[in-house]
C-alpha atoms as a PDB file:
ATOM      1  CA  MET A   1      67.518 -61.281  46.662  1.00  0.00           C
ATOM      2  CA  PRO A   2      68.954 -59.702  43.506  1.00  0.00           C
ATOM      3  CA  ILE A   3      68.002 -61.448  40.255  1.00  0.00           C
ATOM      4  CA  TRP A   4      69.172 -60.555  36.777  1.00  0.00           C
ATOM      5  CA  VAL A   5      67.396 -62.216  33.836  1.00  0.00           C
ATOM      6  CA  PHE A   6      68.676 -62.168  30.214  1.00  0.00           C
ATOM      7  CA  HIS A   7      66.808 -63.110  27.076  1.00  0.00           C
ATOM      8  CA  SER A   8      66.745 -62.230  23.366  1.00  0.00           C
ATOM      9  CA  ASP A   9      63.516 -60.875  21.856  1.00  0.00           C
ATOM     10  CA  ASP A  10      63.999 -63.147  18.801  1.00  0.00           C
ATOM     11  CA  ASP A  11      65.036 -66.378  20.565  1.00  0.00           C
ATOM     12  CA  ASN A  12      63.932 -69.118  18.176  1.00  0.00           C
ATOM     13  CA  ILE A  13      64.348 -71.953  20.739  1.00  0.00           C
ATOM     14  CA  VAL A  14      62.850 -70.587  24.015  1.00  0.00           C
ATOM     15  CA  SER A  15      60.068 -68.013  23.949  1.00  0.00           C
ATOM     16  CA  ILE A  16      60.698 -64.793  25.789  1.00  0.00           C
ATOM     17  CA  GLN A  17      57.148 -64.705  27.137  1.00  0.00           C
ATOM     18  CA  PRO A  18      57.628 -67.084  30.130  1.00  0.00           C
ATOM     19  CA  ASN A  19      60.559 -64.895  31.271  1.00  0.00           C
ATOM     20  CA  VAL A  20      58.478 -61.733  30.870  1.00  0.00           C
ATOM     21  CA  GLU A  21      55.751 -63.306  33.006  1.00  0.00           C
ATOM     22  CA  MET A  22      58.276 -64.606  35.590  1.00  0.00           C
ATOM     23  CA  VAL A  23      59.945 -61.196  35.928  1.00  0.00           C
ATOM     24  CA  ASN A  24      56.576 -59.450  36.366  1.00  0.00           C
ATOM     25  CA  GLU A  25      55.618 -61.900  39.099  1.00  0.00           C
ATOM     26  CA  LEU A  26      59.016 -61.637  40.839  1.00  0.00           C
ATOM     27  CA  ARG A  27      58.829 -57.849  40.828  1.00  0.00           C
ATOM     28  CA  LYS A  28      55.643 -58.025  42.929  1.00  0.00           C
ATOM     29  CA  TYR A  29      57.737 -59.430  45.811  1.00  0.00           C
ATOM     30  CA  ASN A  30      61.268 -58.324  45.030  1.00  0.00           C
ATOM     31  CA  ASN A  31      62.479 -54.855  43.998  1.00  0.00           C
ATOM     32  CA  LYS A  32      65.912 -56.201  43.024  1.00  0.00           C
ATOM     33  CA  VAL A  33      64.932 -57.847  39.738  1.00  0.00           C
ATOM     34  CA  GLU A  34      66.702 -56.737  36.570  1.00  0.00           C
ATOM     35  CA  PHE A  35      65.644 -57.865  33.081  1.00  0.00           C
ATOM     36  CA  THR A  36      67.883 -57.338  30.044  1.00  0.00           C
ATOM     37  CA  VAL A  37      66.356 -58.051  26.673  1.00  0.00           C
ATOM     38  CA  TYR A  38      68.782 -58.276  23.742  1.00  0.00           C
ATOM     39  CA  HIS A  39      67.758 -57.692  20.148  1.00  0.00           C
ATOM     40  CA  GLY A  40      68.805 -59.899  17.352  1.00  0.00           C
ATOM     41  CA  VAL A  41      70.942 -62.511  19.140  1.00  0.00           C
ATOM     42  CA  LYS A  42      68.444 -65.388  18.827  1.00  0.00           C
ATOM     43  CA  HIS A  43      69.258 -68.171  21.340  1.00  0.00           C
ATOM     44  CA  ALA A  44      72.754 -66.860  22.013  1.00  0.00           C
ATOM     45  CA  SER A  45      71.985 -64.389  24.782  1.00  0.00           C
ATOM     46  CA  TRP A  46      74.827 -65.893  26.798  1.00  0.00           C
ATOM     47  CA  ARG A  47      77.369 -64.166  24.566  1.00  0.00           C
ATOM     48  CA  PRO A  48      76.353 -60.528  25.192  1.00  0.00           C
ATOM     49  CA  THR A  49      75.759 -61.468  28.841  1.00  0.00           C
ATOM     50  CA  TYR A  50      79.051 -63.261  29.716  1.00  0.00           C
ATOM     51  CA  VAL A  51      81.519 -62.280  26.937  1.00  0.00           C
ATOM     52  CA  ASP A  52      80.576 -58.735  26.014  1.00  0.00           C
ATOM     53  CA  ASN A  53      79.394 -57.568  29.421  1.00  0.00           C
ATOM     54  CA  PRO A  54      82.155 -57.112  32.044  1.00  0.00           C
ATOM     55  CA  VAL A  55      79.619 -55.486  34.443  1.00  0.00           C
ATOM     56  CA  ILE A  56      78.052 -58.917  35.063  1.00  0.00           C
ATOM     57  CA  TYR A  57      81.183 -60.096  36.915  1.00  0.00           C
ATOM     58  CA  GLU A  58      81.213 -56.987  39.072  1.00  0.00           C
ATOM     59  CA  TRP A  59      77.535 -57.586  39.827  1.00  0.00           C
ATOM     60  CA  PHE A  60      78.247 -61.281  40.720  1.00  0.00           C
ATOM     61  CA  ALA A  61      80.972 -60.181  43.157  1.00  0.00           C
ATOM     62  CA  LYS A  62      78.511 -57.978  45.011  1.00  0.00           C
ATOM     63  CA  GLN A  63      75.987 -60.731  45.606  1.00  0.00           C
ATOM     64  CA  ASP A  64      76.129 -62.031  49.109  1.00  0.00           C
ATOM     65  CA  ARG A  65      73.855 -61.964  52.127  1.00  0.00           C
ATOM     66  CA  LYS A  66      76.064 -59.325  53.801  1.00  0.00           C
ATOM     67  CA  ASN A  67      75.471 -56.794  51.008  1.00  0.00           C
ATOM     68  CA  ASN A  68      71.888 -57.914  50.236  1.00  0.00           C
ATOM     69  CA  ARG A  69      70.027 -58.134  53.534  1.00  0.00           C
ATOM     70  CA  PRO A  70      67.067 -60.454  53.179  1.00  0.00           C
ATOM     71  CA  GLU A  71      63.582 -59.147  52.830  1.00  0.00           C
ATOM     72  CA  THR A  72      61.366 -60.170  55.710  1.00  0.00           C
ATOM     73  CA  ILE A  73      57.807 -61.397  55.698  1.00  0.00           C
ATOM     74  CA  GLN A  74      55.070 -60.950  58.289  1.00  0.00           C
ATOM     75  CA  MET A  75      53.316 -64.081  59.401  1.00  0.00           C
ATOM     76  CA  ASP A  76      50.056 -64.148  61.274  1.00  0.00           C
ATOM     77  CA  THR A  77      50.153 -64.922  64.990  1.00  0.00           C
ATOM     78  CA  ASP A  78      48.594 -68.328  64.640  1.00  0.00           C
ATOM     79  CA  ALA A  79      51.293 -69.414  62.108  1.00  0.00           C
ATOM     80  CA  CYS A  80      54.018 -68.085  64.437  1.00  0.00           C
ATOM     81  CA  SER A  81      53.007 -70.255  67.365  1.00  0.00           C
ATOM     82  CA  LYS A  82      54.007 -73.463  65.534  1.00  0.00           C
ATOM     83  CA  TYR A  83      57.677 -72.432  65.574  1.00  0.00           C
ATOM     84  CA  SER A  84      57.822 -71.561  69.232  1.00  0.00           C
ATOM     85  CA  GLY A  85      59.160 -74.223  71.577  1.00  0.00           C
ATOM     86  CA  SER A  86      62.212 -76.233  72.602  1.00  0.00           C
ATOM     87  CA  TYR A  87      64.625 -77.866  70.152  1.00  0.00           C
ATOM     88  CA  LEU A  88      67.327 -80.430  70.893  1.00  0.00           C
ATOM     89  CA  MET A  89      70.684 -79.964  69.139  1.00  0.00           C
ATOM     90  CA  GLY A  90      73.154 -82.583  70.263  1.00  0.00           C
ATOM     91  CA  SER A  91      72.845 -82.392  74.037  1.00  0.00           C
ATOM     92  CA  ASP A  92      71.812 -78.699  74.077  1.00  0.00           C
ATOM     93  CA  THR A  93      68.275 -77.464  74.322  1.00  0.00           C
ATOM     94  CA  LEU A  94      67.512 -74.349  72.317  1.00  0.00           C
ATOM     95  CA  THR A  95      64.315 -72.334  72.543  1.00  0.00           C
ATOM     96  CA  ILE A  96      62.521 -70.320  69.883  1.00  0.00           C
ATOM     97  CA  ASP A  97      60.163 -67.744  71.392  1.00  0.00           C
ATOM     98  CA  TYR A  98      57.687 -65.492  69.595  1.00  0.00           C
ATOM     99  CA  GLY A  99      56.675 -62.251  71.215  1.00  0.00           C
ATOM    100  CA  LYS A 100      56.259 -58.555  70.489  1.00  0.00           C
ATOM    101  CA  GLY A 101      56.103 -59.264  66.774  1.00  0.00           C
ATOM    102  CA  HIS A 102      59.411 -61.122  66.337  1.00  0.00           C
ATOM    103  CA  PHE A 103      61.190 -64.409  66.944  1.00  0.00           C
ATOM    104  CA  THR A 104      64.088 -64.906  69.348  1.00  0.00           C
ATOM    105  CA  LEU A 105      66.436 -67.907  69.507  1.00  0.00           C
ATOM    106  CA  ILE A 106      67.454 -68.536  73.103  1.00  0.00           C
ATOM    107  CA  LEU A 107      70.672 -70.465  73.576  1.00  0.00           C
ATOM    108  CA  PRO A 108      71.434 -72.721  76.633  1.00  0.00           C
ATOM    109  CA  THR A 109      73.651 -69.903  77.998  1.00  0.00           C
ATOM    110  CA  GLY A 110      70.585 -67.603  78.040  1.00  0.00           C
ATOM    111  CA  GLN A 111      71.930 -65.485  75.182  1.00  0.00           C
ATOM    112  CA  GLN A 112      69.082 -64.199  72.997  1.00  0.00           C
ATOM    113  CA  ILE A 113      69.434 -63.910  69.274  1.00  0.00           C
ATOM    114  CA  ASN A 114      66.855 -61.903  67.252  1.00  0.00           C
ATOM    115  CA  LEU A 115      65.681 -63.604  64.092  1.00  0.00           C
ATOM    116  CA  LEU A 116      64.309 -62.270  60.812  1.00  0.00           C
ATOM    117  CA  THR A 117      61.619 -64.234  59.021  1.00  0.00           C
ATOM    118  CA  GLU A 118      62.582 -64.456  55.345  1.00  0.00           C
ATOM    119  CA  SER A 119      60.027 -67.129  54.453  1.00  0.00           C
ATOM    120  CA  GLU A 120      57.939 -69.758  56.237  1.00  0.00           C
ATOM    121  CA  SER A 121      61.006 -72.005  56.368  1.00  0.00           C
ATOM    122  CA  ILE A 122      64.026 -69.655  56.619  1.00  0.00           C
ATOM    123  CA  PHE A 123      64.850 -67.404  59.468  1.00  0.00           C
ATOM    124  CA  SER A 124      68.139 -65.423  59.566  1.00  0.00           C
ATOM    125  CA  ILE A 125      70.078 -63.790  62.351  1.00  0.00           C
ATOM    126  CA  ARG A 126      69.219 -60.061  62.450  1.00  0.00           C
ATOM    127  CA  GLU A 127      72.739 -58.941  63.271  1.00  0.00           C
ATOM    128  CA  ASN A 128      74.449 -61.311  60.864  1.00  0.00           C
ATOM    129  CA  PRO A 129      71.998 -62.373  58.089  1.00  0.00           C
ATOM    130  CA  GLN A 130      74.336 -64.690  56.274  1.00  0.00           C
ATOM    131  CA  PHE A 131      73.679 -67.156  59.118  1.00  0.00           C
ATOM    132  CA  GLY A 132      70.321 -68.564  60.039  1.00  0.00           C
ATOM    133  CA  ILE A 133      68.112 -71.569  60.283  1.00  0.00           C
ATOM    134  CA  LYS A 134      66.013 -73.547  57.785  1.00  0.00           C
ATOM    135  CA  PHE A 135      63.012 -75.361  59.250  1.00  0.00           C
ATOM    136  CA  GLN A 136      62.140 -78.893  58.309  1.00  0.00           C
ATOM    137  CA  ILE A 137      58.319 -78.868  57.887  1.00  0.00           C
ATOM    138  CA  ASP A 138      56.335 -81.970  57.098  1.00  0.00           C
ATOM    139  CA  LYS A 139      52.609 -81.447  56.256  1.00  0.00           C
ATOM    140  CA  GLY A 140      52.550 -78.187  58.216  1.00  0.00           C
ATOM    141  CA  VAL A 141      54.279 -79.652  61.279  1.00  0.00           C
ATOM    142  CA  ILE A 142      57.656 -78.318  62.368  1.00  0.00           C
ATOM    143  CA  LYS A 143      60.089 -81.246  62.791  1.00  0.00           C
ATOM    144  CA  GLY A 144      63.133 -79.194  63.566  1.00  0.00           C
ATOM    145  CA  PHE A 145      65.639 -76.922  61.900  1.00  0.00           C
ATOM    146  CA  TYR A 146      69.093 -76.951  60.276  1.00  0.00           C
ATOM    147  CA  THR A 147      71.641 -74.247  60.749  1.00  0.00           C
ATOM    148  CA  ILE A 148      72.582 -72.393  57.551  1.00  0.00           C
ATOM    149  CA  VAL A 149      76.125 -71.759  56.453  1.00  0.00           C
ATOM    150  CA  ASP A 150      78.162 -73.324  59.234  1.00  0.00           C
ATOM    151  CA  ASN A 151      78.125 -77.060  59.847  1.00  0.00           C
ATOM    152  CA  LYS A 152      74.425 -77.588  59.126  1.00  0.00           C
ATOM    153  CA  GLN A 153      73.565 -79.098  62.490  1.00  0.00           C
ATOM    154  CA  PHE A 154      70.016 -80.364  63.043  1.00  0.00           C
ATOM    155  CA  ALA A 155      67.880 -79.390  66.027  1.00  0.00           C
ATOM    156  CA  ARG A 156      64.865 -81.681  66.575  1.00  0.00           C
ATOM    157  CA  LYS A 157      61.744 -80.032  67.920  1.00  0.00           C
ATOM    158  CA  LEU A 158      60.693 -81.339  71.270  1.00  0.00           C
ATOM    159  CA  THR A 159      57.045 -82.066  71.930  1.00  0.00           C
ATOM    160  CA  PRO A 160      55.470 -82.924  75.272  1.00  0.00           C
ATOM    161  CA  THR A 161      55.798 -86.627  74.354  1.00  0.00           C
ATOM    162  CA  ASN A 162      59.453 -86.628  73.285  1.00  0.00           C
ATOM    163  CA  ARG A 163      61.096 -84.403  75.936  1.00  0.00           C
END
């Protein structure tokens, strides 16, 4: 995910150091982090960012999930097994399967949709990454997932006792 951080080197209200540390940490996981340090604007870094910098608005316009495909993470096999299983959404049963190193969402029609793992709670659709699912996890237990972007429907995970 692209991130652009702005700060003044002589800000007398908020120290630049926490932003320097944050940017350094973010760059370990994200190669799309920009950091602009202004000189001599004190706590008014908003002015050179939003008033004197028309490029920022072009940059904003480019930021969407279609143009910035999500980075994926690798989870260990044991962690992956907790996502696999059946989920009830309305009256439809959906299945999430893990095999051959990736997750697949299987619809009631049998259609299979490949998923990308962006984090331990967000999976996106490989072919259309602006759509996806966000898992509800309580104390390490998957309770279900919400769909992202559309109507945010909830799918409750079925266990042997609540099928």
